[in-house]
Amino acid sequence: MKTCAVEFVQLVTYRFEVTAESEEEAEEAAWDFWETVPVAEEYRYYHDADDRYVDSVTLKGDK
C-alpha cells in the first residue's frame, strides 16, 4: 500500500443572520461576524455542501 496526500475540495453553504441598515452594511457585518466564528463552531451555521471533488493526489515517499 502506498501513502498519498489528498486535497479534497468542497463548496459549503453556511446560513446566519445579521442586522444592518443596508445590503452593503449587511455584507460587511457578515464578514465581520464570520471572521469571529471559531472553526469548531462553523457546524452550527452549516446548510449544505455541493461541488465535492478531489483536487489533487500526490504519492508520498515511503520511509
PDB file of N, CA and C in Angstrom:
ATOM      1  N   MET A   1       0.831  -1.177   0.000  1.00  0.00           N
ATOM      2  CA  MET A   1       0.000   0.000   0.000  1.00  0.00           C
ATOM      3  C   MET A   1       0.882   1.250   0.000  1.00  0.00           C
ATOM      4  N   LYS A   2       0.495   2.222  -0.767  1.00  0.00           N
ATOM      5  CA  LYS A   2       1.218   3.492  -0.850  1.00  0.00           C
ATOM      6  C   LYS A   2       0.442   4.556  -0.075  1.00  0.00           C
ATOM      7  N   THR A   3       1.160   5.495   0.503  1.00  0.00           N
ATOM      8  CA  THR A   3       0.540   6.620   1.195  1.00  0.00           C
ATOM      9  C   THR A   3       0.468   7.800   0.243  1.00  0.00           C
ATOM     10  N   CYS A   4      -0.724   8.387   0.135  1.00  0.00           N
ATOM     11  CA  CYS A   4      -0.928   9.523  -0.751  1.00  0.00           C
ATOM     12  C   CYS A   4      -1.504  10.698   0.031  1.00  0.00           C
ATOM     13  N   ALA A   5      -1.032  11.897  -0.280  1.00  0.00           N
ATOM     14  CA  ALA A   5      -1.620  13.116   0.267  1.00  0.00           C
ATOM     15  C   ALA A   5      -2.748  13.521  -0.670  1.00  0.00           C
ATOM     16  N   VAL A   6      -3.922  13.783  -0.122  1.00  0.00           N
ATOM     17  CA  VAL A   6      -5.096  14.098  -0.923  1.00  0.00           C
ATOM     18  C   VAL A   6      -5.608  15.481  -0.547  1.00  0.00           C
ATOM     19  N   GLU A   7      -5.908  16.288  -1.559  1.00  0.00           N
ATOM     20  CA  GLU A   7      -6.560  17.574  -1.326  1.00  0.00           C
ATOM     21  C   GLU A   7      -7.988  17.447  -1.817  1.00  0.00           C
ATOM     22  N   PHE A   8      -8.928  17.547  -0.886  1.00  0.00           N
ATOM     23  CA  PHE A   8     -10.348  17.389  -1.173  1.00  0.00           C
ATOM     24  C   PHE A   8     -11.004  18.764  -1.077  1.00  0.00           C
ATOM     25  N   VAL A   9     -11.716  19.173  -2.118  1.00  0.00           N
ATOM     26  CA  VAL A   9     -12.338  20.497  -2.160  1.00  0.00           C
ATOM     27  C   VAL A   9     -13.853  20.321  -2.125  1.00  0.00           C
ATOM     28  N   GLN A  10     -14.509  21.177  -1.338  1.00  0.00           N
ATOM     29  CA  GLN A  10     -15.958  21.108  -1.211  1.00  0.00           C
ATOM     30  C   GLN A  10     -16.508  22.519  -1.028  1.00  0.00           C
ATOM     31  N   LEU A  11     -17.482  22.872  -1.831  1.00  0.00           N
ATOM     32  CA  LEU A  11     -18.149  24.161  -1.693  1.00  0.00           C
ATOM     33  C   LEU A  11     -19.253  23.998  -0.653  1.00  0.00           C
ATOM     34  N   VAL A  12     -19.174  24.771   0.420  1.00  0.00           N
ATOM     35  CA  VAL A  12     -20.119  24.638   1.530  1.00  0.00           C
ATOM     36  C   VAL A  12     -20.921  25.927   1.679  1.00  0.00           C
ATOM     37  N   THR A  13     -22.200  25.784   1.975  1.00  0.00           N
ATOM     38  CA  THR A  13     -23.063  26.929   2.231  1.00  0.00           C
ATOM     39  C   THR A  13     -23.361  26.997   3.722  1.00  0.00           C
ATOM     40  N   TYR A  14     -23.128  28.177   4.289  1.00  0.00           N
ATOM     41  CA  TYR A  14     -23.466  28.446   5.681  1.00  0.00           C
ATOM     42  C   TYR A  14     -24.536  29.524   5.691  1.00  0.00           C
ATOM     43  N   ARG A  15     -25.463  29.462   6.657  1.00  0.00           N
ATOM     44  CA  ARG A  15     -26.508  30.478   6.749  1.00  0.00           C
ATOM     45  C   ARG A  15     -26.552  31.047   8.162  1.00  0.00           C
ATOM     46  N   PHE A  16     -26.699  32.367   8.234  1.00  0.00           N
ATOM     47  CA  PHE A  16     -26.859  33.063   9.504  1.00  0.00           C
ATOM     48  C   PHE A  16     -27.476  34.419   9.204  1.00  0.00           C
ATOM     49  N   GLU A  17     -27.867  35.141  10.235  1.00  0.00           N
ATOM     50  CA  GLU A  17     -28.487  36.446  10.045  1.00  0.00           C
ATOM     51  C   GLU A  17     -27.654  37.533  10.704  1.00  0.00           C
ATOM     52  N   VAL A  18     -27.683  38.733  10.101  1.00  0.00           N
ATOM     53  CA  VAL A  18     -27.062  39.922  10.675  1.00  0.00           C
ATOM     54  C   VAL A  18     -28.081  41.050  10.582  1.00  0.00           C
ATOM     55  N   THR A  19     -27.892  42.073  11.397  1.00  0.00           N
ATOM     56  CA  THR A  19     -28.749  43.251  11.371  1.00  0.00           C
ATOM     57  C   THR A  19     -27.940  44.418  10.817  1.00  0.00           C
ATOM     58  N   ALA A  20     -28.514  45.123   9.835  1.00  0.00           N
ATOM     59  CA  ALA A  20     -27.790  46.240   9.212  1.00  0.00           C
ATOM     60  C   ALA A  20     -28.784  47.195   8.562  1.00  0.00           C
ATOM     61  N   GLU A  21     -28.307  48.390   8.256  1.00  0.00           N
ATOM     62  CA  GLU A  21     -29.133  49.425   7.624  1.00  0.00           C
ATOM     63  C   GLU A  21     -29.285  49.231   6.112  1.00  0.00           C
ATOM     64  N   SER A  22     -28.343  48.536   5.477  1.00  0.00           N
ATOM     65  CA  SER A  22     -28.384  48.348   4.027  1.00  0.00           C
ATOM     66  C   SER A  22     -27.738  47.014   3.673  1.00  0.00           C
ATOM     67  N   GLU A  23     -27.884  46.613   2.420  1.00  0.00           N
ATOM     68  CA  GLU A  23     -27.267  45.370   1.959  1.00  0.00           C
ATOM     69  C   GLU A  23     -25.752  45.451   2.026  1.00  0.00           C
ATOM     70  N   GLU A  24     -25.196  46.616   1.717  1.00  0.00           N
ATOM     71  CA  GLU A  24     -23.743  46.783   1.778  1.00  0.00           C
ATOM     72  C   GLU A  24     -23.243  46.617   3.210  1.00  0.00           C
ATOM     73  N   GLU A  25     -23.956  47.235   4.162  1.00  0.00           N
ATOM     74  CA  GLU A  25     -23.572  47.096   5.563  1.00  0.00           C
ATOM     75  C   GLU A  25     -23.777  45.664   6.049  1.00  0.00           C
ATOM     76  N   ALA A  26     -24.799  45.006   5.528  1.00  0.00           N
ATOM     77  CA  ALA A  26     -25.043  43.613   5.902  1.00  0.00           C
ATOM     78  C   ALA A  26     -23.906  42.714   5.423  1.00  0.00           C
ATOM     79  N   GLU A  27     -23.410  42.983   4.215  1.00  0.00           N
ATOM     80  CA  GLU A  27     -22.291  42.196   3.702  1.00  0.00           C
ATOM     81  C   GLU A  27     -21.055  42.392   4.577  1.00  0.00           C
ATOM     82  N   GLU A  28     -20.786  43.632   4.958  1.00  0.00           N
ATOM     83  CA  GLU A  28     -19.644  43.907   5.828  1.00  0.00           C
ATOM     84  C   GLU A  28     -19.845  43.261   7.202  1.00  0.00           C
ATOM     85  N   ALA A  29     -21.063  43.342   7.722  1.00  0.00           N
ATOM     86  CA  ALA A  29     -21.361  42.729   9.025  1.00  0.00           C
ATOM     87  C   ALA A  29     -21.208  41.208   8.963  1.00  0.00           C
ATOM     88  N   ALA A  30     -21.594  40.623   7.823  1.00  0.00           N
ATOM     89  CA  ALA A  30     -21.455  39.176   7.661  1.00  0.00           C
ATOM     90  C   ALA A  30     -19.986  38.760   7.704  1.00  0.00           C
ATOM     91  N   TRP A  31     -19.126  39.508   6.986  1.00  0.00           N
ATOM     92  CA  TRP A  31     -17.687  39.200   7.021  1.00  0.00           C
ATOM     93  C   TRP A  31     -17.131  39.382   8.423  1.00  0.00           C
ATOM     94  N   ASP A  32     -17.531  40.459   9.087  1.00  0.00           N
ATOM     95  CA  ASP A  32     -17.056  40.701  10.454  1.00  0.00           C
ATOM     96  C   ASP A  32     -17.472  39.567  11.382  1.00  0.00           C
ATOM     97  N   PHE A  33     -18.728  39.124  11.249  1.00  0.00           N
ATOM     98  CA  PHE A  33     -19.212  38.023  12.074  1.00  0.00           C
ATOM     99  C   PHE A  33     -18.450  36.733  11.777  1.00  0.00           C
ATOM    100  N   TRP A  34     -18.353  36.393  10.482  1.00  0.00           N
ATOM    101  CA  TRP A  34     -17.761  35.107  10.117  1.00  0.00           C
ATOM    102  C   TRP A  34     -16.299  35.008  10.548  1.00  0.00           C
ATOM    103  N   GLU A  35     -15.596  36.130  10.525  1.00  0.00           N
ATOM    104  CA  GLU A  35     -14.192  36.122  10.947  1.00  0.00           C
ATOM    105  C   GLU A  35     -14.037  35.807  12.430  1.00  0.00           C
ATOM    106  N   THR A  36     -15.094  35.954  13.214  1.00  0.00           N
ATOM    107  CA  THR A  36     -15.025  35.681  14.653  1.00  0.00           C
ATOM    108  C   THR A  36     -15.488  34.271  15.016  1.00  0.00           C
ATOM    109  N   VAL A  37     -16.061  33.555  14.050  1.00  0.00           N
ATOM    110  CA  VAL A  37     -16.573  32.207  14.333  1.00  0.00           C
ATOM    111  C   VAL A  37     -15.407  31.220  14.350  1.00  0.00           C
ATOM    112  N   PRO A  38     -15.190  30.543  15.478  1.00  0.00           N
ATOM    113  CA  PRO A  38     -14.126  29.529  15.522  1.00  0.00           C
ATOM    114  C   PRO A  38     -14.459  28.364  14.577  1.00  0.00           C
ATOM    115  N   VAL A  39     -13.461  27.776  13.980  1.00  0.00           N
ATOM    116  CA  VAL A  39     -13.664  26.656  13.051  1.00  0.00           C
ATOM    117  C   VAL A  39     -14.498  25.560  13.712  1.00  0.00           C
ATOM    118  N   ALA A  40     -14.271  25.310  14.973  1.00  0.00           N
ATOM    119  CA  ALA A  40     -15.004  24.262  15.682  1.00  0.00           C
ATOM    120  C   ALA A  40     -16.492  24.584  15.833  1.00  0.00           C
ATOM    121  N   GLU A  41     -16.889  25.832  15.592  1.00  0.00           N
ATOM    122  CA  GLU A  41     -18.286  26.242  15.723  1.00  0.00           C
ATOM    123  C   GLU A  41     -18.996  26.398  14.383  1.00  0.00           C
ATOM    124  N   GLU A  42     -18.274  26.275  13.274  1.00  0.00           N
ATOM    125  CA  GLU A  42     -18.873  26.503  11.955  1.00  0.00           C
ATOM    126  C   GLU A  42     -20.051  25.568  11.677  1.00  0.00           C
ATOM    127  N   TYR A  43     -20.020  24.381  12.251  1.00  0.00           N
ATOM    128  CA  TYR A  43     -21.087  23.411  12.001  1.00  0.00           C
ATOM    129  C   TYR A  43     -22.460  23.973  12.401  1.00  0.00           C
ATOM    130  N   ARG A  44     -22.505  24.912  13.321  1.00  0.00           N
ATOM    131  CA  ARG A  44     -23.780  25.486  13.765  1.00  0.00           C
ATOM    132  C   ARG A  44     -24.496  26.241  12.642  1.00  0.00           C
ATOM    133  N   TYR A  45     -23.746  26.704  11.658  1.00  0.00           N
ATOM    134  CA  TYR A  45     -24.299  27.504  10.573  1.00  0.00           C
ATOM    135  C   TYR A  45     -24.341  26.749   9.249  1.00  0.00           C
ATOM    136  N   TYR A  46     -23.899  25.496   9.268  1.00  0.00           N
ATOM    137  CA  TYR A  46     -23.841  24.673   8.059  1.00  0.00           C
ATOM    138  C   TYR A  46     -25.239  24.479   7.482  1.00  0.00           C
ATOM    139  N   HIS A  47     -25.360  24.658   6.177  1.00  0.00           N
ATOM    140  CA  HIS A  47     -26.645  24.443   5.498  1.00  0.00           C
ATOM    141  C   HIS A  47     -26.565  23.317   4.465  1.00  0.00           C
ATOM    142  N   ASP A  48     -25.550  23.350   3.617  1.00  0.00           N
ATOM    143  CA  ASP A  48     -25.488  22.393   2.514  1.00  0.00           C
ATOM    144  C   ASP A  48     -24.073  22.342   1.953  1.00  0.00           C
ATOM    145  N   ALA A  49     -23.765  21.276   1.225  1.00  0.00           N
ATOM    146  CA  ALA A  49     -22.468  21.155   0.561  1.00  0.00           C
ATOM    147  C   ALA A  49     -22.681  20.669  -0.871  1.00  0.00           C
ATOM    148  N   ASP A  50     -21.938  21.273  -1.782  1.00  0.00           N
ATOM    149  CA  ASP A  50     -22.008  20.920  -3.201  1.00  0.00           C
ATOM    150  C   ASP A  50     -20.601  20.873  -3.782  1.00  0.00           C
ATOM    151  N   ASP A  51     -20.528  20.481  -5.041  1.00  0.00           N
ATOM    152  CA  ASP A  51     -19.279  20.518  -5.805  1.00  0.00           C
ATOM    153  C   ASP A  51     -18.112  19.868  -5.064  1.00  0.00           C
ATOM    154  N   ARG A  52     -18.316  18.648  -4.633  1.00  0.00           N
ATOM    155  CA  ARG A  52     -17.232  17.921  -3.979  1.00  0.00           C
ATOM    156  C   ARG A  52     -16.353  17.272  -5.039  1.00  0.00           C
ATOM    157  N   TYR A  53     -15.047  17.435  -4.889  1.00  0.00           N
ATOM    158  CA  TYR A  53     -14.132  16.781  -5.815  1.00  0.00           C
ATOM    159  C   TYR A  53     -12.751  16.663  -5.194  1.00  0.00           C
ATOM    160  N   VAL A  54     -12.012  15.697  -5.669  1.00  0.00           N
ATOM    161  CA  VAL A  54     -10.618  15.543  -5.262  1.00  0.00           C
ATOM    162  C   VAL A  54      -9.799  16.413  -6.188  1.00  0.00           C
ATOM    163  N   ASP A  55      -9.096  17.404  -5.619  1.00  0.00           N
ATOM    164  CA  ASP A  55      -8.336  18.353  -6.409  1.00  0.00           C
ATOM    165  C   ASP A  55      -6.961  17.808  -6.776  1.00  0.00           C
ATOM    166  N   SER A  56      -6.340  17.074  -5.870  1.00  0.00           N
ATOM    167  CA  SER A  56      -5.033  16.515  -6.195  1.00  0.00           C
ATOM    168  C   SER A  56      -4.725  15.301  -5.313  1.00  0.00           C
ATOM    169  N   VAL A  57      -3.932  14.404  -5.868  1.00  0.00           N
ATOM    170  CA  VAL A  57      -3.435  13.251  -5.132  1.00  0.00           C
ATOM    171  C   VAL A  57      -1.941  13.177  -5.421  1.00  0.00           C
ATOM    172  N   THR A  58      -1.131  13.159  -4.358  1.00  0.00           N
ATOM    173  CA  THR A  58       0.316  13.120  -4.513  1.00  0.00           C
ATOM    174  C   THR A  58       0.869  11.935  -3.749  1.00  0.00           C
ATOM    175  N   LEU A  59       1.601  11.096  -4.436  1.00  0.00           N
ATOM    176  CA  LEU A  59       2.229   9.959  -3.793  1.00  0.00           C
ATOM    177  C   LEU A  59       3.329  10.464  -2.865  1.00  0.00           C
ATOM    178  N   LYS A  60       3.257  10.059  -1.606  1.00  0.00           N
ATOM    179  CA  LYS A  60       4.273  10.463  -0.643  1.00  0.00           C
ATOM    180  C   LYS A  60       5.376   9.406  -0.625  1.00  0.00           C
ATOM    181  N   GLY A  61       6.606   9.837  -0.388  1.00  0.00           N
ATOM    182  CA  GLY A  61       7.722   8.907  -0.343  1.00  0.00           C
ATOM    183  C   GLY A  61       7.601   7.955   0.837  1.00  0.00           C
ATOM    184  N   ASP A  62       7.817   6.672   0.609  1.00  0.00           N
ATOM    185  CA  ASP A  62       7.777   5.702   1.702  1.00  0.00           C
ATOM    186  C   ASP A  62       9.048   5.776   2.498  1.00  0.00           C
ATOM    187  N   LYS A  63       8.919   5.627   3.810  1.00  0.00           N
ATOM    188  CA  LYS A  63      10.075   5.687   4.689  1.00  0.00           C
ATOM    189  C   LYS A  63      10.502   4.312   5.104  1.00  0.00           C
TER     190      LYS A  63
END
